[in-house]
Amino acid sequence: QVQLVESGGGLVQPGGSLRLSCAASGSMYKLYVMGWYRQAPGKQRELVAFITTADYQNYADSVKGRFTISRDNAKNTLYLQMNMLRPEDTAVYYCNFKFRDTAYGDPYEYEYWGQGTQVTVSS
């Protein structure tokens, strides 16, 4: 079983910065991608950024150039550095870890979510 615990959210003024952390516990064997998602009130959850175990990264267009995803393997921790924050970045942010495995030769995937951390950008 894998547990993910986010931290680092809060209230920040427009133009400010925050760093989110997602500490993972449990076996990371078969992990292949880690990501950050967000969900604003009344909207669907959306992908913000992801990083693979091969360190390939991808970002939503709305955060490119402002957010940076990174990971510390030794600490089993995923980060999201958020700079130049805007009011439209206000949302609950969730980390997500995806795993791949096989059962009787057939591949399957499974995932875990953190509990979410609130980010509010307001003056």
C-alpha atoms as a PDB file:
ATOM      1  CA  GLN A   1       0.000   0.000   0.000  1.00  0.00           C
ATOM      2  CA  VAL A   2       1.228   3.478  -0.889  1.00  0.00           C
ATOM      3  CA  GLN A   3       0.351   6.621   1.025  1.00  0.00           C
ATOM      4  CA  LEU A   4       0.805  10.137  -0.324  1.00  0.00           C
ATOM      5  CA  VAL A   5       0.787  13.184   1.930  1.00  0.00           C
ATOM      6  CA  GLU A   6       0.804  16.676   0.442  1.00  0.00           C
ATOM      7  CA  SER A   7       1.920  19.849   2.140  1.00  0.00           C
ATOM      8  CA  GLY A   8       2.871  23.400   1.274  1.00  0.00           C
ATOM      9  CA  GLY A   9      -0.430  24.913   0.243  1.00  0.00           C
ATOM     10  CA  GLY A  10      -1.708  28.200   1.549  1.00  0.00           C
ATOM     11  CA  LEU A  11      -2.741  31.745   0.770  1.00  0.00           C
ATOM     12  CA  VAL A  12      -0.453  33.803  -1.435  1.00  0.00           C
ATOM     13  CA  GLN A  13      -0.750  37.100  -3.270  1.00  0.00           C
ATOM     14  CA  PRO A  14      -0.756  37.259  -7.069  1.00  0.00           C
ATOM     15  CA  GLY A  15       2.808  37.058  -8.350  1.00  0.00           C
ATOM     16  CA  GLY A  16       3.930  35.086  -5.321  1.00  0.00           C
ATOM     17  CA  SER A  17       5.371  31.601  -5.019  1.00  0.00           C
ATOM     18  CA  LEU A  18       4.613  28.366  -3.240  1.00  0.00           C
ATOM     19  CA  ARG A  19       6.288  24.986  -3.152  1.00  0.00           C
ATOM     20  CA  LEU A  20       4.114  21.909  -2.783  1.00  0.00           C
ATOM     21  CA  SER A  21       5.504  18.625  -1.503  1.00  0.00           C
ATOM     22  CA  CYS A  22       4.132  15.114  -1.756  1.00  0.00           C
ATOM     23  CA  ALA A  23       5.784  12.615   0.568  1.00  0.00           C
ATOM     24  CA  ALA A  24       5.269   8.993  -0.404  1.00  0.00           C
ATOM     25  CA  SER A  25       5.550   5.910   1.761  1.00  0.00           C
ATOM     26  CA  GLY A  26       5.379   2.270   0.767  1.00  0.00           C
ATOM     27  CA  SER A  27       6.891   0.387  -2.102  1.00  0.00           C
ATOM     28  CA  MET A  28       7.815   2.464  -5.161  1.00  0.00           C
ATOM     29  CA  TYR A  29       8.563  -0.670  -7.161  1.00  0.00           C
ATOM     30  CA  LYS A  30       6.718  -0.516 -10.501  1.00  0.00           C
ATOM     31  CA  LEU A  31       6.243   3.271 -10.217  1.00  0.00           C
ATOM     32  CA  TYR A  32       6.386   4.889 -13.639  1.00  0.00           C
ATOM     33  CA  VAL A  33       4.887   8.382 -13.478  1.00  0.00           C
ATOM     34  CA  MET A  34       4.148  11.018 -10.832  1.00  0.00           C
ATOM     35  CA  GLY A  35       1.968  14.020 -11.324  1.00  0.00           C
ATOM     36  CA  TRP A  36       0.186  17.010  -9.882  1.00  0.00           C
ATOM     37  CA  TYR A  37      -3.468  17.686 -10.589  1.00  0.00           C
ATOM     38  CA  ARG A  38      -5.725  20.480  -9.450  1.00  0.00           C
ATOM     39  CA  GLN A  39      -9.430  21.038  -9.060  1.00  0.00           C
ATOM     40  CA  ALA A  40     -11.023  24.439  -8.796  1.00  0.00           C
ATOM     41  CA  PRO A  41     -14.569  24.889  -7.435  1.00  0.00           C
ATOM     42  CA  GLY A  42     -17.132  23.863 -10.014  1.00  0.00           C
ATOM     43  CA  LYS A  43     -14.511  22.542 -12.415  1.00  0.00           C
ATOM     44  CA  GLN A  44     -13.152  19.145 -13.312  1.00  0.00           C
ATOM     45  CA  ARG A  45      -9.833  17.931 -12.007  1.00  0.00           C
ATOM     46  CA  GLU A  46      -7.061  18.751 -14.475  1.00  0.00           C
ATOM     47  CA  LEU A  47      -3.483  17.663 -14.966  1.00  0.00           C
ATOM     48  CA  VAL A  48      -0.956  20.349 -14.054  1.00  0.00           C
ATOM     49  CA  ALA A  49       2.341  18.542 -14.632  1.00  0.00           C
ATOM     50  CA  PHE A  50       3.876  15.095 -14.599  1.00  0.00           C
ATOM     51  CA  ILE A  51       7.322  13.536 -14.456  1.00  0.00           C
ATOM     52  CA  THR A  52       8.256   9.983 -15.344  1.00  0.00           C
ATOM     53  CA  THR A  53      10.852   7.780 -13.672  1.00  0.00           C
ATOM     54  CA  ALA A  54      12.990   8.533 -16.733  1.00  0.00           C
ATOM     55  CA  ASP A  55      12.643  12.242 -15.834  1.00  0.00           C
ATOM     56  CA  TYR A  56      10.529  13.185 -18.810  1.00  0.00           C
ATOM     57  CA  GLN A  57       8.371  16.169 -17.848  1.00  0.00           C
ATOM     58  CA  ASN A  58       5.259  17.708 -19.289  1.00  0.00           C
ATOM     59  CA  TYR A  59       3.161  20.690 -18.255  1.00  0.00           C
ATOM     60  CA  ALA A  60      -0.268  22.104 -18.902  1.00  0.00           C
ATOM     61  CA  ASP A  61      -0.066  25.119 -21.198  1.00  0.00           C
ATOM     62  CA  SER A  62      -1.505  27.337 -18.471  1.00  0.00           C
ATOM     63  CA  VAL A  63       1.476  26.742 -16.162  1.00  0.00           C
ATOM     64  CA  LYS A  64       4.385  26.415 -18.589  1.00  0.00           C
ATOM     65  CA  GLY A  65       7.231  28.707 -17.648  1.00  0.00           C
ATOM     66  CA  ARG A  66       5.795  29.297 -14.163  1.00  0.00           C
ATOM     67  CA  PHE A  67       5.647  25.853 -12.504  1.00  0.00           C
ATOM     68  CA  THR A  68       8.394  23.254 -12.160  1.00  0.00           C
ATOM     69  CA  ILE A  69       7.905  19.640 -11.179  1.00  0.00           C
ATOM     70  CA  SER A  70      10.749  17.714  -9.576  1.00  0.00           C
ATOM     71  CA  ARG A  71      11.410  14.682  -7.426  1.00  0.00           C
ATOM     72  CA  ASP A  72      13.825  13.493  -4.777  1.00  0.00           C
ATOM     73  CA  ASN A  73      14.161   9.735  -5.080  1.00  0.00           C
ATOM     74  CA  ALA A  74      16.085   9.389  -1.830  1.00  0.00           C
ATOM     75  CA  LYS A  75      13.231  11.026   0.063  1.00  0.00           C
ATOM     76  CA  ASN A  76      10.413   9.546  -2.051  1.00  0.00           C
ATOM     77  CA  THR A  77       9.105  13.073  -2.421  1.00  0.00           C
ATOM     78  CA  LEU A  78       7.538  14.896  -5.342  1.00  0.00           C
ATOM     79  CA  TYR A  79       7.594  18.687  -5.559  1.00  0.00           C
ATOM     80  CA  LEU A  80       5.814  21.414  -7.462  1.00  0.00           C
ATOM     81  CA  GLN A  81       7.468  24.827  -7.446  1.00  0.00           C
ATOM     82  CA  MET A  82       4.872  27.410  -8.384  1.00  0.00           C
ATOM     83  CA  ASN A  83       6.014  30.903  -9.314  1.00  0.00           C
ATOM     84  CA  MET A  84       4.189  33.963 -10.656  1.00  0.00           C
ATOM     85  CA  LEU A  85       0.954  32.645  -9.215  1.00  0.00           C
ATOM     86  CA  ARG A  86      -2.342  33.969 -10.579  1.00  0.00           C
ATOM     87  CA  PRO A  87      -5.831  33.999  -9.091  1.00  0.00           C
ATOM     88  CA  GLU A  88      -6.840  31.367 -11.650  1.00  0.00           C
ATOM     89  CA  ASP A  89      -4.314  28.979 -10.068  1.00  0.00           C
ATOM     90  CA  THR A  90      -6.562  28.800  -7.013  1.00  0.00           C
ATOM     91  CA  ALA A  91      -7.558  25.168  -6.507  1.00  0.00           C
ATOM     92  CA  VAL A  92      -7.038  22.063  -4.432  1.00  0.00           C
ATOM     93  CA  TYR A  93      -3.831  20.426  -5.631  1.00  0.00           C
ATOM     94  CA  TYR A  94      -3.429  16.646  -5.588  1.00  0.00           C
ATOM     95  CA  CYS A  95      -0.415  14.466  -6.201  1.00  0.00           C
ATOM     96  CA  ASN A  96      -0.809  11.212  -8.061  1.00  0.00           C
ATOM     97  CA  PHE A  97       1.495   8.223  -8.441  1.00  0.00           C
ATOM     98  CA  LYS A  98       0.880   5.658 -11.176  1.00  0.00           C
ATOM     99  CA  PHE A  99       2.245   2.128 -11.245  1.00  0.00           C
ATOM    100  CA  ARG A 100       2.470  -0.576 -13.901  1.00  0.00           C
ATOM    101  CA  ASP A 101       2.594  -4.276 -13.250  1.00  0.00           C
ATOM    102  CA  THR A 102       1.630  -7.574 -14.831  1.00  0.00           C
ATOM    103  CA  ALA A 103      -0.607 -10.361 -13.651  1.00  0.00           C
ATOM    104  CA  TYR A 104      -0.433 -13.714 -15.436  1.00  0.00           C
ATOM    105  CA  GLY A 105       1.341 -11.941 -18.285  1.00  0.00           C
ATOM    106  CA  ASP A 106      -1.296  -9.224 -18.679  1.00  0.00           C
ATOM    107  CA  PRO A 107      -0.286  -5.600 -17.961  1.00  0.00           C
ATOM    108  CA  TYR A 108      -2.338  -3.447 -15.660  1.00  0.00           C
ATOM    109  CA  GLU A 109      -2.039  -0.067 -14.016  1.00  0.00           C
ATOM    110  CA  TYR A 110      -3.049   1.301 -10.649  1.00  0.00           C
ATOM    111  CA  GLU A 111      -2.695   4.652  -8.948  1.00  0.00           C
ATOM    112  CA  TYR A 112      -2.758   6.452  -5.642  1.00  0.00           C
ATOM    113  CA  TRP A 113      -3.872   9.973  -4.757  1.00  0.00           C
ATOM    114  CA  GLY A 114      -2.942  12.331  -1.993  1.00  0.00           C
ATOM    115  CA  GLN A 115      -5.565  14.028   0.139  1.00  0.00           C
ATOM    116  CA  GLY A 116      -5.117  17.406  -1.518  1.00  0.00           C
ATOM    117  CA  THR A 117      -3.776  20.756  -0.385  1.00  0.00           C
ATOM    118  CA  GLN A 118      -5.534  24.092  -0.880  1.00  0.00           C
ATOM    119  CA  VAL A 119      -3.790  26.832  -2.833  1.00  0.00           C
ATOM    120  CA  THR A 120      -5.465  30.237  -2.801  1.00  0.00           C
ATOM    121  CA  VAL A 121      -4.094  33.142  -4.815  1.00  0.00           C
ATOM    122  CA  SER A 122      -5.700  36.398  -3.767  1.00  0.00           C
ATOM    123  CA  SER A 123      -4.837  39.917  -2.777  1.00  0.00           C
END
